[in-house]
């Protein structure tokens, strides 16, 4: 029998987070997002070489920083270049759960013009998470009207 090119239970694209403090990151994601930890491979000195977690129906890989690997954690790099979007039912509860676990609010959760309840958090390891729940289907003309209104409001606020 032929081996599948994408392993059972995997998707075509899977985020792979690099962190400083793999064990603590796994604990945080469990508390913040109800992550289920799959397998964890550690180096002899205890660093996380590779871990797999599942949040909702999606898998994420995770590893500690390793010198020479070409990847740094956002904390070491001083910036995050990717936003992880997490859409679930009951997003208000999950948002507060993540904050209670140690995430920092960078954009408060609120109803947005595009039809989602949406906000952003930064986790203690420097990764940015956008939490959302679709609450309304918005027709294209209404989306355009709402967007113009929202951008006009932002421009007015910036002048104050």
Protein backbone atom coordinates (compact mmCIF):
# COMPACT_ATOMS: atom_id res chain seq x y z
CA UNK A 1 0.00 0.00 0.00
CA UNK A 2 1.30 3.47 -0.91
CA UNK A 3 2.13 5.95 1.84
CA UNK A 4 -0.01 9.11 1.74
CA UNK A 5 2.00 12.26 0.96
CA UNK A 6 0.14 14.11 3.74
CA UNK A 7 0.05 12.03 6.93
CA UNK A 8 -3.31 11.05 8.39
CA UNK A 9 -4.72 13.86 10.51
CA UNK A 10 -2.42 16.51 9.01
CA UNK A 11 -3.30 19.38 6.67
CA UNK A 12 -1.46 20.80 3.69
CA UNK A 13 -0.13 23.74 5.73
CA UNK A 14 0.65 23.56 9.44
CA UNK A 15 2.08 26.48 11.44
CA UNK A 16 5.30 25.67 13.30
CA UNK A 17 5.95 28.01 16.23
CA UNK A 18 9.46 28.66 17.49
CA UNK A 19 9.55 29.68 21.15
CA UNK A 20 11.98 30.29 23.95
CA UNK A 21 10.66 27.98 26.68
CA UNK A 22 8.92 25.09 24.94
CA UNK A 23 7.61 23.36 28.07
CA UNK A 24 6.11 26.60 29.41
CA UNK A 25 4.62 27.34 25.99
CA UNK A 26 2.88 23.97 25.91
CA UNK A 27 1.43 24.65 29.37
CA UNK A 28 0.29 28.14 28.31
CA UNK A 29 -1.47 26.91 25.15
CA UNK A 30 -3.27 24.26 27.20
CA UNK A 31 -4.53 26.88 29.67
CA UNK A 32 -5.19 29.64 27.15
CA UNK A 33 -6.72 27.77 24.21
CA UNK A 34 -7.56 24.29 25.57
CA UNK A 35 -4.78 22.85 23.41
CA UNK A 36 -4.41 19.10 23.38
CA UNK A 37 -0.78 18.01 23.42
CA UNK A 38 0.08 15.19 21.07
CA UNK A 39 3.62 13.97 21.01
CA UNK A 40 6.61 15.83 22.36
CA UNK A 41 10.20 14.98 21.40
CA UNK A 42 12.89 16.46 23.62
CA UNK A 43 16.62 16.76 23.25
CA UNK A 44 18.80 15.14 25.92
CA UNK A 45 19.06 18.53 27.70
CA UNK A 46 15.24 18.81 27.89
CA UNK A 47 14.53 21.33 25.13
CA UNK A 48 11.48 20.71 22.95
CA UNK A 49 12.79 19.57 19.60
CA UNK A 50 9.31 18.99 18.19
CA UNK A 51 5.83 18.99 19.67
CA UNK A 52 2.38 18.74 18.17
CA UNK A 53 -0.64 20.44 19.68
CA UNK A 54 -4.24 20.57 18.53
CA UNK A 55 -6.49 23.57 19.06
CA UNK A 56 -10.03 23.00 17.86
CA UNK A 57 -9.64 21.05 14.63
CA UNK A 58 -6.19 22.40 13.76
CA UNK A 59 -2.69 21.18 14.49
CA UNK A 60 0.31 23.35 15.31
CA UNK A 61 3.91 22.24 15.60
CA UNK A 62 6.15 23.81 18.23
CA UNK A 63 9.87 23.82 18.96
CA UNK A 64 12.33 25.61 21.17
CA UNK A 65 14.88 27.92 19.55
CA UNK A 66 18.03 26.16 18.41
CA UNK A 67 21.18 28.08 17.48
CA UNK A 68 21.98 27.80 13.81
CA UNK A 69 18.49 26.69 12.82
CA UNK A 70 17.71 29.96 11.06
CA UNK A 71 14.56 30.53 13.12
CA UNK A 72 14.23 32.67 16.20
CA UNK A 73 11.35 33.15 18.57
CA UNK A 74 9.52 36.49 18.26
CA UNK A 75 10.98 37.45 21.65
CA UNK A 76 14.55 37.03 20.36
CA UNK A 77 13.74 38.59 16.99
CA UNK A 78 12.03 41.54 18.67
CA UNK A 79 8.94 41.24 16.47
CA UNK A 80 6.34 38.79 15.24
CA UNK A 81 5.78 38.48 11.49
CA UNK A 82 2.79 36.12 11.54
CA UNK A 83 -0.68 36.36 13.08
CA UNK A 84 -2.40 33.09 13.99
CA UNK A 85 -6.16 33.36 13.41
CA UNK A 86 -8.26 31.24 15.74
CA UNK A 87 -11.99 31.05 14.96
CA UNK A 88 -14.27 29.28 17.42
CA UNK A 89 -17.69 29.41 18.99
CA UNK A 90 -17.70 31.05 22.43
CA UNK A 91 -14.85 33.40 21.53
CA UNK A 92 -15.51 35.79 24.43
CA UNK A 93 -14.87 33.03 26.95
CA UNK A 94 -11.75 31.86 25.11
CA UNK A 95 -10.41 35.42 24.85
CA UNK A 96 -10.78 35.93 28.61
CA UNK A 97 -9.30 32.49 29.26
CA UNK A 98 -6.21 33.41 27.23
CA UNK A 99 -5.86 36.72 29.08
CA UNK A 100 -6.18 34.92 32.42
CA UNK A 101 -3.47 32.49 31.29
CA UNK A 102 -1.08 35.38 30.60
CA UNK A 103 -1.82 36.76 27.12
CA UNK A 104 -1.77 40.54 26.60
CA UNK A 105 -4.63 42.27 24.79
CA UNK A 106 -3.38 44.20 21.77
CA UNK A 107 -6.83 44.77 20.21
CA UNK A 108 -9.90 44.41 22.43
CA UNK A 109 -12.49 41.88 21.35
CA UNK A 110 -15.41 43.60 19.61
CA UNK A 111 -17.98 43.32 16.84
CA UNK A 112 -16.27 44.31 13.58
CA UNK A 113 -17.72 45.76 10.39
CA UNK A 114 -16.90 42.62 8.38
CA UNK A 115 -19.23 40.45 10.46
CA UNK A 116 -16.88 38.88 13.01
CA UNK A 117 -16.44 39.31 16.73
CA UNK A 118 -12.68 39.78 16.69
CA UNK A 119 -9.71 40.86 18.81
CA UNK A 120 -5.99 40.26 19.11
CA UNK A 121 -3.66 38.99 21.84
CA UNK A 122 0.07 38.53 22.23
CA UNK A 123 1.09 35.39 24.07
CA UNK A 124 3.96 35.37 26.59
CA UNK A 125 6.23 33.89 23.91
CA UNK A 126 5.72 36.79 21.46
CA UNK A 127 3.26 35.20 19.05
CA UNK A 128 0.20 37.22 18.00
CA UNK A 129 -3.20 35.53 18.01
CA UNK A 130 -6.35 36.93 16.39
CA UNK A 131 -9.42 35.40 18.00
CA UNK A 132 -12.67 35.54 16.10
CA UNK A 133 -16.17 34.23 15.79
CA UNK A 134 -18.28 34.85 12.68
CA UNK A 135 -21.51 36.50 13.84
CA UNK A 136 -23.02 37.95 10.66
CA UNK A 137 -22.92 37.45 6.90
CA UNK A 138 -22.44 40.92 5.39
CA UNK A 139 -23.43 41.67 1.78
CA UNK A 140 -20.67 43.27 -0.35
CA UNK A 141 -22.40 46.68 -0.64
CA UNK A 142 -23.03 46.79 3.10
CA UNK A 143 -19.42 45.71 3.76
CA UNK A 144 -18.18 48.60 1.60
CA UNK A 145 -20.42 51.10 3.42
CA UNK A 146 -19.35 49.84 6.84
CA UNK A 147 -15.67 49.83 5.90
CA UNK A 148 -15.84 53.45 4.70
CA UNK A 149 -17.59 54.42 7.93
CA UNK A 150 -15.03 52.57 10.07
CA UNK A 151 -12.04 54.09 8.23
CA UNK A 152 -13.54 57.58 8.46
CA UNK A 153 -14.01 57.09 12.20
CA UNK A 154 -10.37 55.92 12.57
CA UNK A 155 -9.12 58.93 10.61
CA UNK A 156 -11.16 61.29 12.80
CA UNK A 157 -9.80 59.65 15.97
CA UNK A 158 -6.23 59.95 14.69
CA UNK A 159 -6.66 63.73 14.32
CA UNK A 160 -7.68 64.17 17.96
